[in-house]
C-alpha cells in the first residue's frame, strides 16, 4: 500500500514539474537535483512522506511565479 501511495505522489509531483518546466528531461533533472530551498535535499527524496510531498508540490508553483529559483 505504501508503495502505491508513493507512486501516486511521484506521479503528481512529476506532472507538476513537467508542467512548470515544459519538458520531461528538465523535470527529471530538477527532481534529482539537490536544492538549497530544500536544505540540500533532492525533491525525489522528500516524496517518501506526505508532508515532504506537500513541500515539493509547492515548489513548481513558486518557480512558475518567480518566487523560487
PDB file of N, CA and C in Angstrom:
ATOM      1  N   UNK A   1       0.816  -1.198   0.000  1.00  0.00           N
ATOM      2  CA  UNK A   1       0.000   0.000   0.000  1.00  0.00           C
ATOM      3  C   UNK A   1       0.860   1.262   0.000  1.00  0.00           C
ATOM      4  N   UNK A   2       1.919   1.268   0.843  1.00  0.00           N
ATOM      5  CA  UNK A   2       2.795   2.442   0.904  1.00  0.00           C
ATOM      6  C   UNK A   2       3.461   2.701  -0.435  1.00  0.00           C
ATOM      7  N   UNK A   3       3.859   1.620  -1.135  1.00  0.00           N
ATOM      8  CA  UNK A   3       4.486   1.789  -2.453  1.00  0.00           C
ATOM      9  C   UNK A   3       3.500   2.421  -3.429  1.00  0.00           C
ATOM     10  N   UNK A   4       2.232   2.044  -3.347  1.00  0.00           N
ATOM     11  CA  UNK A   4       1.201   2.624  -4.206  1.00  0.00           C
ATOM     12  C   UNK A   4       1.044   4.107  -3.903  1.00  0.00           C
ATOM     13  N   UNK A   5       1.016   4.464  -2.623  1.00  0.00           N
ATOM     14  CA  UNK A   5       0.896   5.869  -2.235  1.00  0.00           C
ATOM     15  C   UNK A   5       2.095   6.671  -2.732  1.00  0.00           C
ATOM     16  N   UNK A   6       3.295   6.114  -2.585  1.00  0.00           N
ATOM     17  CA  UNK A   6       4.498   6.817  -3.037  1.00  0.00           C
ATOM     18  C   UNK A   6       4.470   6.981  -4.554  1.00  0.00           C
ATOM     19  N   UNK A   7       4.027   5.959  -5.251  1.00  0.00           N
ATOM     20  CA  UNK A   7       3.928   6.039  -6.714  1.00  0.00           C
ATOM     21  C   UNK A   7       2.950   7.125  -7.144  1.00  0.00           C
ATOM     22  N   UNK A   8       1.843   7.225  -6.424  1.00  0.00           N
ATOM     23  CA  UNK A   8       0.853   8.260  -6.737  1.00  0.00           C
ATOM     24  C   UNK A   8       1.420   9.648  -6.462  1.00  0.00           C
ATOM     25  N   UNK A   9       2.138   9.795  -5.337  1.00  0.00           N
ATOM     26  CA  UNK A   9       2.762  11.082  -5.018  1.00  0.00           C
ATOM     27  C   UNK A   9       3.798  11.449  -6.068  1.00  0.00           C
ATOM     28  N   UNK A  10       4.604  10.476  -6.486  1.00  0.00           N
ATOM     29  CA  UNK A  10       5.620  10.730  -7.506  1.00  0.00           C
ATOM     30  C   UNK A  10       4.969  11.166  -8.814  1.00  0.00           C
ATOM     31  N   UNK A  11       3.905  10.510  -9.206  1.00  0.00           N
ATOM     32  CA  UNK A  11       3.211  10.869 -10.442  1.00  0.00           C
ATOM     33  C   UNK A  11       2.690  12.305 -10.383  1.00  0.00           C
ATOM     34  N   UNK A  12       2.120  12.701  -9.245  1.00  0.00           N
ATOM     35  CA  UNK A  12       1.620  14.076  -9.095  1.00  0.00           C
ATOM     36  C   UNK A  12       2.749  15.094  -9.191  1.00  0.00           C
ATOM     37  N   UNK A  13       3.833  14.825  -8.486  1.00  0.00           N
ATOM     38  CA  UNK A  13       4.955  15.757  -8.479  1.00  0.00           C
ATOM     39  C   UNK A  13       5.595  15.842  -9.859  1.00  0.00           C
ATOM     40  N   UNK A  14       5.742  14.711 -10.529  1.00  0.00           N
ATOM     41  CA  UNK A  14       6.323  14.719 -11.879  1.00  0.00           C
ATOM     42  C   UNK A  14       5.455  15.529 -12.832  1.00  0.00           C
ATOM     43  N   UNK A  15       4.147  15.363 -12.736  1.00  0.00           N
ATOM     44  CA  UNK A  15       3.237  16.113 -13.613  1.00  0.00           C
ATOM     45  C   UNK A  15       3.362  17.617 -13.361  1.00  0.00           C
ATOM     46  N   UNK A  16       3.432  18.011 -12.104  1.00  0.00           N
ATOM     47  CA  UNK A  16       3.598  19.431 -11.770  1.00  0.00           C
ATOM     48  C   UNK A  16       4.924  19.967 -12.301  1.00  0.00           C
ATOM     49  N   UNK A  17       5.990  19.197 -12.124  1.00  0.00           N
ATOM     50  CA  UNK A  17       7.308  19.627 -12.590  1.00  0.00           C
ATOM     51  C   UNK A  17       7.348  19.721 -14.114  1.00  0.00           C
ATOM     52  N   UNK A  18       6.756  18.753 -14.796  1.00  0.00           N
ATOM     53  CA  UNK A  18       6.725  18.784 -16.257  1.00  0.00           C
ATOM     54  C   UNK A  18       5.931  19.978 -16.765  1.00  0.00           C
ATOM     55  N   UNK A  19       4.840  20.287 -16.098  1.00  0.00           N
ATOM     56  CA  UNK A  19       4.037  21.454 -16.475  1.00  0.00           C
ATOM     57  C   UNK A  19       4.837  22.744 -16.265  1.00  0.00           C
ATOM     58  N   UNK A  20       5.544  22.818 -15.157  1.00  0.00           N
ATOM     59  CA  UNK A  20       6.320  24.015 -14.831  1.00  0.00           C
ATOM     60  C   UNK A  20       7.488  24.211 -15.785  1.00  0.00           C
ATOM     61  N   UNK A  21       8.235  23.139 -16.022  1.00  0.00           N
ATOM     62  CA  UNK A  21       9.446  23.249 -16.831  1.00  0.00           C
ATOM     63  C   UNK A  21       9.202  23.013 -18.320  1.00  0.00           C
ATOM     64  N   UNK A  22       8.020  22.506 -18.664  1.00  0.00           N
ATOM     65  CA  UNK A  22       7.667  22.305 -20.065  1.00  0.00           C
ATOM     66  C   UNK A  22       8.436  21.206 -20.766  1.00  0.00           C
ATOM     67  N   UNK A  23       9.073  20.318 -19.997  1.00  0.00           N
ATOM     68  CA  UNK A  23       9.917  19.291 -20.601  1.00  0.00           C
ATOM     69  C   UNK A  23      10.156  18.182 -19.575  1.00  0.00           C
ATOM     70  N   UNK A  24      10.011  16.925 -20.007  1.00  0.00           N
ATOM     71  CA  UNK A  24      10.202  15.798 -19.090  1.00  0.00           C
ATOM     72  C   UNK A  24      11.630  15.716 -18.573  1.00  0.00           C
ATOM     73  N   UNK A  25      12.606  15.928 -19.458  1.00  0.00           N
ATOM     74  CA  UNK A  25      14.006  15.829 -19.040  1.00  0.00           C
ATOM     75  C   UNK A  25      14.361  16.898 -18.014  1.00  0.00           C
ATOM     76  N   UNK A  26      13.901  18.116 -18.231  1.00  0.00           N
ATOM     77  CA  UNK A  26      14.161  19.190 -17.262  1.00  0.00           C
ATOM     78  C   UNK A  26      13.494  18.872 -15.929  1.00  0.00           C
ATOM     79  N   UNK A  27      12.287  18.357 -15.983  1.00  0.00           N
ATOM     80  CA  UNK A  27      11.574  17.987 -14.758  1.00  0.00           C
ATOM     81  C   UNK A  27      12.329  16.898 -14.007  1.00  0.00           C
ATOM     82  N   UNK A  28      12.815  15.888 -14.724  1.00  0.00           N
ATOM     83  CA  UNK A  28      13.569  14.809 -14.076  1.00  0.00           C
ATOM     84  C   UNK A  28      14.870  15.327 -13.465  1.00  0.00           C
ATOM     85  N   UNK A  29      15.560  16.208 -14.175  1.00  0.00           N
ATOM     86  CA  UNK A  29      16.788  16.781 -13.617  1.00  0.00           C
ATOM     87  C   UNK A  29      16.475  17.556 -12.341  1.00  0.00           C
ATOM     88  N   UNK A  30      15.402  18.329 -12.350  1.00  0.00           N
ATOM     89  CA  UNK A  30      15.012  19.095 -11.168  1.00  0.00           C
ATOM     90  C   UNK A  30      14.684  18.169  -9.999  1.00  0.00           C
ATOM     91  N   UNK A  31      13.966  17.091 -10.273  1.00  0.00           N
ATOM     92  CA  UNK A  31      13.589  16.146  -9.218  1.00  0.00           C
ATOM     93  C   UNK A  31      14.800  15.501  -8.553  1.00  0.00           C
ATOM     94  N   UNK A  32      15.889  15.364  -9.303  1.00  0.00           N
ATOM     95  CA  UNK A  32      17.081  14.686  -8.787  1.00  0.00           C
ATOM     96  C   UNK A  32      18.199  15.637  -8.371  1.00  0.00           C
ATOM     97  N   UNK A  33      17.947  16.921  -8.417  1.00  0.00           N
ATOM     98  CA  UNK A  33      18.958  17.929  -8.066  1.00  0.00           C
ATOM     99  C   UNK A  33      18.817  18.313  -6.583  1.00  0.00           C
ATOM    100  N   UNK A  34      19.958  18.441  -5.918  1.00  0.00           N
ATOM    101  CA  UNK A  34      19.951  18.941  -4.549  1.00  0.00           C
ATOM    102  C   UNK A  34      19.626  20.431  -4.604  1.00  0.00           C
ATOM    103  N   UNK A  35      18.613  20.839  -3.857  1.00  0.00           N
ATOM    104  CA  UNK A  35      18.147  22.219  -3.904  1.00  0.00           C
ATOM    105  C   UNK A  35      18.400  22.946  -2.587  1.00  0.00           C
ATOM    106  N   UNK A  36      18.937  24.147  -2.689  1.00  0.00           N
ATOM    107  CA  UNK A  36      19.165  24.962  -1.499  1.00  0.00           C
ATOM    108  C   UNK A  36      17.845  25.220  -0.769  1.00  0.00           C
ATOM    109  N   UNK A  37      16.763  25.395  -1.531  1.00  0.00           N
ATOM    110  CA  UNK A  37      15.445  25.640  -0.925  1.00  0.00           C
ATOM    111  C   UNK A  37      14.976  24.485  -0.051  1.00  0.00           C
ATOM    112  N   UNK A  38      15.561  23.322  -0.287  1.00  0.00           N
ATOM    113  CA  UNK A  38      15.206  22.137   0.494  1.00  0.00           C
ATOM    114  C   UNK A  38      16.370  21.713   1.392  1.00  0.00           C
ATOM    115  N   UNK A  39      17.184  22.687   1.763  1.00  0.00           N
ATOM    116  CA  UNK A  39      18.348  22.422   2.616  1.00  0.00           C
ATOM    117  C   UNK A  39      19.269  21.354   2.037  1.00  0.00           C
ATOM    118  N   UNK A  40      19.455  21.414   0.729  1.00  0.00           N
ATOM    119  CA  UNK A  40      20.363  20.492   0.056  1.00  0.00           C
ATOM    120  C   UNK A  40      19.775  19.131  -0.257  1.00  0.00           C
ATOM    121  N   UNK A  41      18.509  18.941   0.004  1.00  0.00           N
ATOM    122  CA  UNK A  41      17.866  17.667  -0.295  1.00  0.00           C
ATOM    123  C   UNK A  41      17.321  17.671  -1.713  1.00  0.00           C
ATOM    124  N   UNK A  42      17.090  16.483  -2.225  1.00  0.00           N
ATOM    125  CA  UNK A  42      16.518  16.345  -3.565  1.00  0.00           C
ATOM    126  C   UNK A  42      14.998  16.172  -3.457  1.00  0.00           C
ATOM    127  N   UNK A  43      14.238  16.821  -4.338  1.00  0.00           N
ATOM    128  CA  UNK A  43      12.776  16.652  -4.301  1.00  0.00           C
ATOM    129  C   UNK A  43      12.359  15.183  -4.341  1.00  0.00           C
ATOM    130  N   UNK A  44      13.033  14.375  -5.144  1.00  0.00           N
ATOM    131  CA  UNK A  44      12.661  12.963  -5.279  1.00  0.00           C
ATOM    132  C   UNK A  44      12.749  12.230  -3.940  1.00  0.00           C
ATOM    133  N   UNK A  45      13.664  12.655  -3.067  1.00  0.00           N
ATOM    134  CA  UNK A  45      13.811  12.002  -1.767  1.00  0.00           C
ATOM    135  C   UNK A  45      12.719  12.417  -0.784  1.00  0.00           C
ATOM    136  N   UNK A  46      12.226  13.619  -0.920  1.00  0.00           N
ATOM    137  CA  UNK A  46      11.219  14.115   0.019  1.00  0.00           C
ATOM    138  C   UNK A  46       9.836  13.539  -0.215  1.00  0.00           C
ATOM    139  N   UNK A  47       9.582  13.004  -1.395  1.00  0.00           N
ATOM    140  CA  UNK A  47       8.236  12.491  -1.653  1.00  0.00           C
ATOM    141  C   UNK A  47       7.982  11.140  -0.992  1.00  0.00           C
ATOM    142  N   UNK A  48       8.903  10.698  -0.164  1.00  0.00           N
ATOM    143  CA  UNK A  48       8.685   9.441   0.554  1.00  0.00           C
ATOM    144  C   UNK A  48       7.663   9.607   1.680  1.00  0.00           C
ATOM    145  N   UNK A  49       7.340  10.870   2.021  1.00  0.00           N
ATOM    146  CA  UNK A  49       6.335  11.126   3.053  1.00  0.00           C
ATOM    147  C   UNK A  49       5.295  12.111   2.518  1.00  0.00           C
ATOM    148  N   UNK A  50       4.083  12.050   3.032  1.00  0.00           N
ATOM    149  CA  UNK A  50       3.065  13.019   2.608  1.00  0.00           C
ATOM    150  C   UNK A  50       3.473  14.464   2.885  1.00  0.00           C
ATOM    151  N   UNK A  51       4.080  14.721   4.042  1.00  0.00           N
ATOM    152  CA  UNK A  51       4.495  16.092   4.371  1.00  0.00           C
ATOM    153  C   UNK A  51       5.578  16.582   3.414  1.00  0.00           C
ATOM    154  N   UNK A  52       6.538  15.721   3.119  1.00  0.00           N
ATOM    155  CA  UNK A  52       7.588  16.080   2.167  1.00  0.00           C
ATOM    156  C   UNK A  52       7.018  16.327   0.785  1.00  0.00           C
ATOM    157  N   UNK A  53       6.044  15.532   0.414  1.00  0.00           N
ATOM    158  CA  UNK A  53       5.405  15.698  -0.895  1.00  0.00           C
ATOM    159  C   UNK A  53       4.718  17.052  -0.990  1.00  0.00           C
ATOM    160  N   UNK A  54       4.025  17.461   0.068  1.00  0.00           N
ATOM    161  CA  UNK A  54       3.368  18.772   0.050  1.00  0.00           C
ATOM    162  C   UNK A  54       4.389  19.893  -0.125  1.00  0.00           C
ATOM    163  N   UNK A  55       5.530  19.761   0.531  1.00  0.00           N
ATOM    164  CA  UNK A  55       6.590  20.760   0.388  1.00  0.00           C
ATOM    165  C   UNK A  55       7.059  20.824  -1.058  1.00  0.00           C
ATOM    166  N   UNK A  56       7.309  19.670  -1.653  1.00  0.00           N
ATOM    167  CA  UNK A  56       7.800  19.612  -3.038  1.00  0.00           C
ATOM    168  C   UNK A  56       6.724  20.080  -4.010  1.00  0.00           C
ATOM    169  N   UNK A  57       5.469  19.752  -3.758  1.00  0.00           N
ATOM    170  CA  UNK A  57       4.385  20.167  -4.653  1.00  0.00           C
ATOM    171  C   UNK A  57       4.244  21.681  -4.725  1.00  0.00           C
ATOM    172  N   UNK A  58       4.613  22.376  -3.677  1.00  0.00           N
ATOM    173  CA  UNK A  58       4.511  23.832  -3.668  1.00  0.00           C
ATOM    174  C   UNK A  58       5.626  24.511  -4.460  1.00  0.00           C
ATOM    175  N   UNK A  59       6.736  23.834  -4.649  1.00  0.00           N
ATOM    176  CA  UNK A  59       7.876  24.453  -5.327  1.00  0.00           C
ATOM    177  C   UNK A  59       7.624  24.794  -6.794  1.00  0.00           C
ATOM    178  N   UNK A  60       7.055  23.912  -7.600  1.00  0.00           N
ATOM    179  CA  UNK A  60       6.831  24.289  -9.008  1.00  0.00           C
ATOM    180  C   UNK A  60       5.961  25.537  -9.162  1.00  0.00           C
ATOM    181  N   UNK A  61       4.954  25.681  -8.324  1.00  0.00           N
ATOM    182  CA  UNK A  61       4.114  26.885  -8.397  1.00  0.00           C
ATOM    183  C   UNK A  61       4.942  28.120  -8.055  1.00  0.00           C
ATOM    184  N   UNK A  62       5.793  28.015  -7.053  1.00  0.00           N
ATOM    185  CA  UNK A  62       6.661  29.132  -6.681  1.00  0.00           C
ATOM    186  C   UNK A  62       7.621  29.476  -7.821  1.00  0.00           C
ATOM    187  N   UNK A  63       8.152  28.451  -8.442  1.00  0.00           N
ATOM    188  CA  UNK A  63       9.069  28.656  -9.571  1.00  0.00           C
ATOM    189  C   UNK A  63       8.335  29.344 -10.723  1.00  0.00           C
ATOM    190  N   UNK A  64       7.146  28.870 -11.002  1.00  0.00           N
ATOM    191  CA  UNK A  64       6.362  29.452 -12.106  1.00  0.00           C
ATOM    192  C   UNK A  64       6.067  30.939 -11.866  1.00  0.00           C
ATOM    193  N   UNK A  65       5.912  31.317 -10.594  1.00  0.00           N
ATOM    194  CA  UNK A  65       5.621  32.716 -10.259  1.00  0.00           C
ATOM    195  C   UNK A  65       6.889  33.518 -10.019  1.00  0.00           C
ATOM    196  N   UNK A  66       8.039  32.864 -10.147  1.00  0.00           N
ATOM    197  CA  UNK A  66       9.303  33.565  -9.991  1.00  0.00           C
ATOM    198  C   UNK A  66       9.755  33.758  -8.567  1.00  0.00           C
ATOM    199  N   UNK A  67       9.099  33.099  -7.617  1.00  0.00           N
ATOM    200  CA  UNK A  67       9.430  33.267  -6.209  1.00  0.00           C
ATOM    201  C   UNK A  67      10.586  32.370  -5.773  1.00  0.00           C
ATOM    202  N   UNK A  68      10.886  31.343  -6.537  1.00  0.00           N
ATOM    203  CA  UNK A  68      11.963  30.414  -6.171  1.00  0.00           C
ATOM    204  C   UNK A  68      12.802  30.100  -7.389  1.00  0.00           C
ATOM    205  N   UNK A  69      14.093  30.049  -7.193  1.00  0.00           N
ATOM    206  CA  UNK A  69      14.996  29.709  -8.289  1.00  0.00           C
ATOM    207  C   UNK A  69      15.702  28.423  -8.018  1.00  0.00           C
TER     208      UNK A  69
END
